[in-house]
């Protein structure tokens, strides 16, 4: 039986992990080697700063011989419905002080309007029931709460021009979505950069990436593909992802020119809808 994910439950989970690790005569480094997890990640779990994944829990149970304890009492995400590979990064979004992201095909989740998100969530395969789609929609819209404070987290969003041109839900939905992004950009809440078609091949052609920084934790990188996603904590990999992002940013339009393009495309959708 799982327990609700919150700071108290994570701290208790971490204390239990520390006690059982020490009872087994293992250091964090020793446990990390046997469980194939980074020592830093184990330290964060023991301190209650990070929620372990299901795979983490299973590895810990196997190495420590705890007969499924860490899997059974894995803190759950408060009933929020997300893809398994995205569960960990959803929590990191709430803690981040700085987020830089690149979206190659779709508007990032916490920037989506309700109408746009409903179309995206209803278009997957296999088809979802209306009930399942609406549960996913609720979780996606909840993510936008991280934008309620004006300056935390700081968000930079790089969009491929394809994101603007792909008519998700038709011209009215797209017009509303792009005007929402414009409002965020013009209010200085988010800095936007569009990678135009004319840039040709660029460093981020391989797909989506999010870079997250924290006040009291090392930065991480999250990369995503079809039905897959991975959080990277290894400093060398995170640094490489940051360098790739910066390289692609050099090919993108300035914030001012990006807003002008968003406005122009939104007007095109508006005229098409009339």
Protein backbone atom coordinates (compact mmCIF):
# COMPACT_ATOMS: atom_id res chain seq x y z
CA UNK A 1 0.00 0.00 0.00
CA UNK A 2 1.45 3.32 -1.07
CA UNK A 3 1.44 6.53 0.97
CA UNK A 4 0.73 10.06 -0.22
CA UNK A 5 3.72 11.94 -1.55
CA UNK A 6 4.56 15.00 0.56
CA UNK A 7 7.65 16.35 2.35
CA UNK A 8 6.89 14.44 5.56
CA UNK A 9 6.41 11.09 3.81
CA UNK A 10 9.60 11.57 1.78
CA UNK A 11 11.58 12.37 4.93
CA UNK A 12 10.26 9.25 6.70
CA UNK A 13 11.00 7.16 3.60
CA UNK A 14 14.54 8.55 3.54
CA UNK A 15 15.07 7.86 7.23
CA UNK A 16 13.97 4.26 6.72
CA UNK A 17 16.35 3.88 3.80
CA UNK A 18 19.24 5.25 5.85
CA UNK A 19 18.47 2.92 8.77
CA UNK A 20 18.25 -0.17 6.59
CA UNK A 21 21.35 0.78 4.61
CA UNK A 22 23.38 1.23 7.80
CA UNK A 23 21.98 -2.01 9.24
CA UNK A 24 23.29 -3.74 6.12
CA UNK A 25 26.72 -2.23 6.75
CA UNK A 26 26.70 -0.19 3.52
CA UNK A 27 27.82 3.36 2.83
CA UNK A 28 25.89 5.48 0.35
CA UNK A 29 28.66 4.80 -2.14
CA UNK A 30 28.44 1.05 -1.53
CA UNK A 31 24.68 1.05 -1.96
CA UNK A 32 24.94 3.14 -5.10
CA UNK A 33 27.32 0.64 -6.69
CA UNK A 34 25.13 -2.37 -5.89
CA UNK A 35 21.81 -0.70 -6.79
CA UNK A 36 23.22 0.99 -9.94
CA UNK A 37 22.11 4.43 -8.71
CA UNK A 38 24.18 7.56 -8.22
CA UNK A 39 25.40 8.26 -4.69
CA UNK A 40 24.02 11.79 -4.98
CA UNK A 41 20.56 10.47 -5.81
CA UNK A 42 20.63 8.15 -2.79
CA UNK A 43 21.72 11.05 -0.58
CA UNK A 44 18.79 13.17 -1.82
CA UNK A 45 16.32 10.33 -1.20
CA UNK A 46 17.65 9.80 2.33
CA UNK A 47 17.36 13.54 3.01
CA UNK A 48 13.76 13.56 1.76
CA UNK A 49 14.57 15.96 -1.07
CA UNK A 50 13.65 13.65 -3.92
CA UNK A 51 10.98 11.07 -4.56
CA UNK A 52 12.43 7.70 -5.63
CA UNK A 53 11.11 6.15 -8.81
CA UNK A 54 9.50 2.71 -8.95
CA UNK A 55 12.70 1.29 -10.43
CA UNK A 56 14.70 2.89 -7.60
CA UNK A 57 12.47 1.23 -5.00
CA UNK A 58 12.78 -2.17 -6.64
CA UNK A 59 16.58 -1.89 -6.80
CA UNK A 60 16.76 -0.90 -3.14
CA UNK A 61 14.55 -3.81 -2.12
CA UNK A 62 16.71 -6.22 -4.07
CA UNK A 63 20.04 -4.99 -2.70
CA UNK A 64 18.88 -4.55 0.91
CA UNK A 65 16.77 -7.72 0.98
CA UNK A 66 13.72 -5.83 2.24
CA UNK A 67 11.11 -8.05 0.59
CA UNK A 68 9.31 -5.32 -1.35
CA UNK A 69 9.18 -2.79 1.52
CA UNK A 70 10.46 0.19 -0.47
CA UNK A 71 8.16 -0.55 -3.39
CA UNK A 72 5.07 -0.98 -1.18
CA UNK A 73 5.64 2.27 0.69
CA UNK A 74 6.75 4.33 -2.29
CA UNK A 75 5.23 7.83 -1.95
CA UNK A 76 2.63 8.37 -4.70
CA UNK A 77 1.91 11.59 -6.56
CA UNK A 78 -1.24 12.69 -4.70
CA UNK A 79 -3.54 11.06 -7.24
CA UNK A 80 -2.05 13.03 -10.13
CA UNK A 81 -2.22 11.12 -13.39
CA UNK A 82 0.95 11.28 -15.47
CA UNK A 83 3.01 8.99 -17.66
CA UNK A 84 5.30 6.80 -15.53
CA UNK A 85 8.42 8.23 -17.16
CA UNK A 86 7.28 11.80 -16.38
CA UNK A 87 6.33 11.32 -12.73
CA UNK A 88 9.73 12.32 -11.35
CA UNK A 89 10.17 15.45 -13.44
CA UNK A 90 6.66 16.63 -12.52
CA UNK A 91 7.85 16.96 -8.93
CA UNK A 92 11.08 18.67 -10.00
CA UNK A 93 9.07 21.35 -11.83
CA UNK A 94 7.49 22.37 -8.54
CA UNK A 95 10.92 22.79 -6.91
CA UNK A 96 12.86 24.45 -9.73
CA UNK A 97 14.13 28.01 -9.59
CA UNK A 98 15.07 28.07 -13.29
CA UNK A 99 13.65 26.05 -16.19
CA UNK A 100 14.99 26.15 -19.74
CA UNK A 101 13.13 23.94 -22.19
CA UNK A 102 13.04 23.16 -25.88
CA UNK A 103 9.85 21.94 -27.54
CA UNK A 104 10.16 20.52 -31.08
CA UNK A 105 6.51 19.68 -31.86
CA UNK A 106 4.03 20.81 -29.19
CA UNK A 107 3.57 23.67 -26.76
CA UNK A 108 5.08 22.51 -23.42
CA UNK A 109 2.51 21.09 -21.00
CA UNK A 110 2.37 23.84 -18.39
CA UNK A 111 1.97 26.48 -21.14
CA UNK A 112 -0.97 24.79 -22.85
CA UNK A 113 -4.48 26.26 -22.84
CA UNK A 114 -7.32 23.97 -21.83
CA UNK A 115 -8.62 23.63 -25.40
CA UNK A 116 -5.16 22.90 -26.83
CA UNK A 117 -4.37 20.36 -24.08
CA UNK A 118 -7.70 18.59 -24.59
CA UNK A 119 -6.93 18.15 -28.29
CA UNK A 120 -3.42 16.85 -27.59
CA UNK A 121 -4.55 14.40 -24.91
CA UNK A 122 -7.42 13.18 -27.06
CA UNK A 123 -5.26 12.44 -30.09
CA UNK A 124 -3.00 9.70 -28.74
CA UNK A 125 -3.03 5.97 -29.46
CA UNK A 126 -4.59 3.81 -28.21
CA UNK A 127 -7.65 6.07 -27.86
CA UNK A 128 -8.55 7.30 -24.37
CA UNK A 129 -12.01 7.45 -22.88
CA UNK A 130 -13.40 10.91 -22.15
CA UNK A 131 -13.00 10.19 -18.43
CA UNK A 132 -9.34 9.25 -18.75
CA UNK A 133 -8.63 12.24 -20.99
CA UNK A 134 -10.28 14.62 -18.51
CA UNK A 135 -8.23 13.20 -15.61
CA UNK A 136 -5.05 13.76 -17.59
CA UNK A 137 -6.27 17.23 -18.53
CA UNK A 138 -6.77 18.15 -14.88
CA UNK A 139 -3.20 17.16 -14.06
CA UNK A 140 -1.80 19.08 -17.02
CA UNK A 141 -3.66 22.28 -16.16
CA UNK A 142 -2.57 21.93 -12.53
CA UNK A 143 1.04 22.13 -13.67
CA UNK A 144 0.51 25.76 -14.73
CA UNK A 145 0.32 26.73 -11.05
CA UNK A 146 4.11 27.06 -11.04
CA UNK A 147 3.58 30.28 -13.05
CA UNK A 148 1.47 31.95 -10.34
CA UNK A 149 4.52 33.69 -8.88
CA UNK A 150 5.91 36.27 -11.28
CA UNK A 151 9.58 35.37 -10.98
CA UNK A 152 9.79 31.83 -9.67
CA UNK A 153 10.69 29.76 -11.50
CA UNK A 154 12.43 31.76 -14.18
CA UNK A 155 11.37 30.12 -17.46
CA UNK A 156 13.03 30.24 -20.87
CA UNK A 157 11.16 28.39 -23.60
CA UNK A 158 12.60 27.64 -27.02
CA UNK A 159 10.00 26.57 -29.57
CA UNK A 160 10.59 25.06 -32.96
CA UNK A 161 8.62 26.97 -35.58
CA UNK A 162 6.73 23.71 -36.21
CA UNK A 163 5.03 24.21 -32.83
CA UNK A 164 3.45 27.41 -34.15
CA UNK A 165 2.48 25.97 -37.53
CA UNK A 166 0.98 22.62 -36.49
CA UNK A 167 -2.81 23.27 -36.37
CA UNK A 168 -3.76 21.43 -33.18
CA UNK A 169 -7.56 21.67 -32.83
CA UNK A 170 -8.00 24.09 -35.71
CA UNK A 171 -7.43 27.83 -36.16
CA UNK A 172 -9.48 29.05 -33.19
CA UNK A 173 -7.68 26.76 -30.73
CA UNK A 174 -4.31 27.73 -32.16
CA UNK A 175 -5.10 31.44 -32.11
CA UNK A 176 -6.07 31.22 -28.43
CA UNK A 177 -2.96 29.17 -27.62
CA UNK A 178 -0.52 31.52 -29.35
CA UNK A 179 -2.15 34.59 -27.79
CA UNK A 180 -1.73 32.93 -24.40
CA UNK A 181 1.99 32.54 -25.08
CA UNK A 182 2.13 36.15 -26.27
CA UNK A 183 0.54 37.35 -23.06
CA UNK A 184 3.11 35.47 -21.00
CA UNK A 185 5.95 36.78 -23.15
CA UNK A 186 4.79 40.39 -23.21
CA UNK A 187 4.27 40.39 -19.44
CA UNK A 188 7.92 39.29 -19.10
CA UNK A 189 6.81 36.17 -17.21
CA UNK A 190 8.49 33.89 -19.77
CA UNK A 191 11.26 34.49 -22.27
CA UNK A 192 10.52 32.91 -25.65
CA UNK A 193 12.86 32.04 -28.51
CA UNK A 194 11.62 30.50 -31.74
CA UNK A 195 13.91 28.30 -33.82
CA UNK A 196 12.80 29.23 -37.36
CA UNK A 197 12.65 26.82 -40.28
CA UNK A 198 15.29 28.90 -42.00
CA UNK A 199 17.83 27.91 -39.32
CA UNK A 200 17.97 24.48 -40.97
CA UNK A 201 19.63 21.68 -38.96
CA UNK A 202 20.45 22.58 -35.38
CA UNK A 203 21.85 21.02 -32.21
CA UNK A 204 18.47 19.97 -30.76
CA UNK A 205 17.06 18.13 -33.75
CA UNK A 206 16.94 14.91 -31.73
CA UNK A 207 14.06 16.05 -29.54
CA UNK A 208 12.67 17.56 -26.37
CA UNK A 209 14.90 18.61 -23.48
CA UNK A 210 14.25 20.42 -20.20
CA UNK A 211 17.00 21.80 -17.98
CA UNK A 212 16.15 22.52 -14.35
CA UNK A 213 18.10 24.33 -11.65
CA UNK A 214 17.32 24.37 -7.89
CA UNK A 215 18.27 26.46 -4.89
CA UNK A 216 19.68 23.55 -2.85
CA UNK A 217 20.16 20.69 -5.33
CA UNK A 218 22.38 20.07 -8.36
CA UNK A 219 20.82 20.82 -11.78
CA UNK A 220 19.23 18.04 -13.81
CA UNK A 221 18.31 17.42 -17.44
CA UNK A 222 15.19 15.67 -18.71
CA UNK A 223 15.04 14.26 -22.23
CA UNK A 224 11.96 12.70 -23.78
CA UNK A 225 10.94 10.61 -26.76
CA UNK A 226 7.98 8.44 -27.78
CA UNK A 227 6.65 6.72 -24.63
CA UNK A 228 10.01 7.30 -22.96
CA UNK A 229 11.72 9.89 -20.81
CA UNK A 230 14.79 10.05 -18.61
CA UNK A 231 16.04 12.32 -15.87
CA UNK A 232 19.81 12.81 -15.97
CA UNK A 233 21.70 13.82 -12.82
CA UNK A 234 25.24 12.85 -13.87
CA UNK A 235 27.06 16.23 -13.99
CA UNK A 236 28.88 15.48 -17.24
CA UNK A 237 25.62 14.58 -19.02
CA UNK A 238 23.74 17.56 -17.58
CA UNK A 239 26.55 19.87 -18.65
CA UNK A 240 26.51 18.39 -22.16
CA UNK A 241 22.75 18.95 -22.42
CA UNK A 242 23.22 22.55 -21.29
CA UNK A 243 25.89 23.09 -23.93
CA UNK A 244 23.67 21.62 -26.66
CA UNK A 245 20.81 23.88 -25.57
CA UNK A 246 23.05 26.96 -25.64
CA UNK A 247 24.32 26.02 -29.09
CA UNK A 248 20.78 25.74 -30.48
CA UNK A 249 19.79 28.98 -28.75
CA UNK A 250 22.38 30.72 -30.88
CA UNK A 251 20.33 29.80 -33.98
CA UNK A 252 17.02 31.00 -32.50
CA UNK A 253 15.27 34.34 -32.90
CA UNK A 254 15.53 36.95 -30.17
CA UNK A 255 12.72 37.25 -27.63
CA UNK A 256 11.40 40.36 -29.39
CA UNK A 257 11.44 38.80 -32.86
CA UNK A 258 9.94 35.58 -31.49
CA UNK A 259 6.97 37.48 -30.04
CA UNK A 260 6.51 39.23 -33.38
CA UNK A 261 6.35 35.86 -35.13
CA UNK A 262 3.91 34.49 -32.53
CA UNK A 263 1.69 37.53 -33.09
CA UNK A 264 1.83 37.19 -36.88
CA UNK A 265 0.95 33.49 -36.87
CA UNK A 266 -1.85 34.06 -34.34
CA UNK A 267 -3.33 36.70 -36.66
CA UNK A 268 -3.12 34.26 -39.58
CA UNK A 269 -5.12 31.70 -37.57
CA UNK A 270 -7.62 34.37 -36.59
CA UNK A 271 -8.19 35.37 -40.24
CA UNK A 272 -8.50 31.70 -41.21
CA UNK A 273 -11.19 31.17 -38.60
CA UNK A 274 -13.32 34.06 -39.84
